[in-house]
């Protein structure tokens, strides 16, 4: 096999560096885009989770309730306790808080 010339080696190294720089720039652009999109999504949740925030629920719990179409305490009458426990992001503490708040408001879950 013939030995590569120094000029050819230098040219290949420069091409590899440019390709790597382009890849890193593309990766960074995707990362910035993803952060911007996630900020927009979080702003959308913040616009409708005020009631859940007042109760003291954690962000994953608030997002789970909003994704399920439950925006206020009175909306919980539409769902059963078992269905509520199955929501992703709904922990035991959140269930306790919601049950206590519903008792205060004299509301009950669907059977």
Protein backbone atom coordinates (compact mmCIF):
# COMPACT_ATOMS: atom_id res chain seq x y z
CA UNK A 1 0.00 0.00 0.00
CA UNK A 2 1.30 3.41 -0.93
CA UNK A 3 2.06 5.95 1.76
CA UNK A 4 -0.20 9.02 1.88
CA UNK A 5 1.39 12.31 1.08
CA UNK A 6 1.57 14.93 3.86
CA UNK A 7 -0.67 17.23 1.81
CA UNK A 8 -3.34 14.52 1.47
CA UNK A 9 -3.17 13.81 5.23
CA UNK A 10 -3.51 17.53 6.00
CA UNK A 11 -6.48 17.82 3.62
CA UNK A 12 -8.28 14.83 5.18
CA UNK A 13 -7.65 16.16 8.70
CA UNK A 14 -9.09 19.56 7.74
CA UNK A 15 -12.18 17.91 6.23
CA UNK A 16 -12.68 15.85 9.37
CA UNK A 17 -12.41 18.97 11.55
CA UNK A 18 -14.94 20.85 9.40
CA UNK A 19 -17.36 17.90 9.50
CA UNK A 20 -16.99 17.67 13.28
CA UNK A 21 -17.57 21.40 13.70
CA UNK A 22 -20.67 21.23 11.48
CA UNK A 23 -21.98 18.28 13.48
CA UNK A 24 -21.42 20.10 16.79
CA UNK A 25 -23.13 23.24 15.45
CA UNK A 26 -26.12 21.19 14.29
CA UNK A 27 -26.29 19.42 17.65
CA UNK A 28 -26.17 22.76 19.50
CA UNK A 29 -28.92 24.19 17.28
CA UNK A 30 -31.16 21.21 18.07
CA UNK A 31 -30.43 21.60 21.77
CA UNK A 32 -31.35 25.31 21.74
CA UNK A 33 -34.49 24.53 19.74
CA UNK A 34 -35.52 21.84 22.21
CA UNK A 35 -34.99 24.21 25.15
CA UNK A 36 -37.07 26.89 23.45
CA UNK A 37 -39.87 24.42 22.74
CA UNK A 38 -39.85 23.11 26.30
CA UNK A 39 -40.02 26.68 27.64
CA UNK A 40 -43.06 27.34 25.44
CA UNK A 41 -44.73 24.15 26.69
CA UNK A 42 -44.00 25.04 30.31
CA UNK A 43 -45.43 28.52 29.74
CA UNK A 44 -48.60 26.93 28.36
CA UNK A 45 -48.95 24.83 31.53
CA UNK A 46 -48.26 27.85 33.73
CA UNK A 47 -51.19 29.65 32.14
CA UNK A 48 -53.69 27.02 33.33
CA UNK A 49 -52.23 25.41 36.46
CA UNK A 50 -52.87 28.28 38.89
CA UNK A 51 -55.49 26.41 40.91
CA UNK A 52 -53.26 23.35 41.31
CA UNK A 53 -50.32 25.57 42.21
CA UNK A 54 -52.36 27.20 45.00
CA UNK A 55 -53.10 23.78 46.48
CA UNK A 56 -49.37 23.03 46.55
CA UNK A 57 -49.08 20.21 44.01
CA UNK A 58 -45.75 19.41 42.37
CA UNK A 59 -45.15 20.26 38.69
CA UNK A 60 -45.36 16.63 37.43
CA UNK A 61 -48.68 16.22 39.22
CA UNK A 62 -50.02 19.49 37.83
CA UNK A 63 -49.00 18.50 34.30
CA UNK A 64 -50.64 15.08 34.69
CA UNK A 65 -53.91 16.65 35.81
CA UNK A 66 -53.89 19.23 33.01
CA UNK A 67 -53.05 16.60 30.39
CA UNK A 68 -56.05 14.61 31.59
CA UNK A 69 -58.31 17.67 31.20
CA UNK A 70 -58.65 18.40 34.91
CA UNK A 71 -58.17 22.12 35.47
CA UNK A 72 -60.01 22.74 38.75
CA UNK A 73 -60.95 20.81 41.86
CA UNK A 74 -64.54 20.48 40.66
CA UNK A 75 -63.29 18.71 37.53
CA UNK A 76 -62.14 15.81 39.70
CA UNK A 77 -65.79 14.76 40.07
CA UNK A 78 -65.55 13.50 36.46
CA UNK A 79 -62.95 10.86 37.31
CA UNK A 80 -62.58 8.02 39.77
CA UNK A 81 -59.90 7.78 42.42
CA UNK A 82 -58.50 4.64 40.76
CA UNK A 83 -58.15 6.44 37.42
CA UNK A 84 -56.48 9.36 39.15
CA UNK A 85 -53.93 7.07 40.81
CA UNK A 86 -52.98 5.64 37.41
CA UNK A 87 -51.93 9.03 36.00
CA UNK A 88 -48.23 9.38 35.35
CA UNK A 89 -46.77 11.82 37.87
CA UNK A 90 -49.46 11.22 40.49
CA UNK A 91 -47.81 10.18 43.75
CA UNK A 92 -49.26 9.21 47.12
CA UNK A 93 -48.72 12.67 48.58
CA UNK A 94 -50.62 14.29 45.70
CA UNK A 95 -53.50 11.85 46.21
CA UNK A 96 -53.64 12.73 49.92
CA UNK A 97 -53.65 16.46 49.14
CA UNK A 98 -56.38 16.10 46.52
CA UNK A 99 -58.58 13.97 48.79
CA UNK A 100 -58.21 16.49 51.63
CA UNK A 101 -59.05 19.42 49.34
CA UNK A 102 -62.09 17.60 47.96
CA UNK A 103 -63.35 16.89 51.47
CA UNK A 104 -62.95 20.59 52.33
CA UNK A 105 -64.98 21.52 49.24
CA UNK A 106 -67.56 18.75 49.98
CA UNK A 107 -66.87 17.02 46.66
CA UNK A 108 -66.44 13.33 45.88
CA UNK A 109 -64.85 11.25 43.14
CA UNK A 110 -66.88 9.38 40.58
CA UNK A 111 -67.52 5.79 41.62
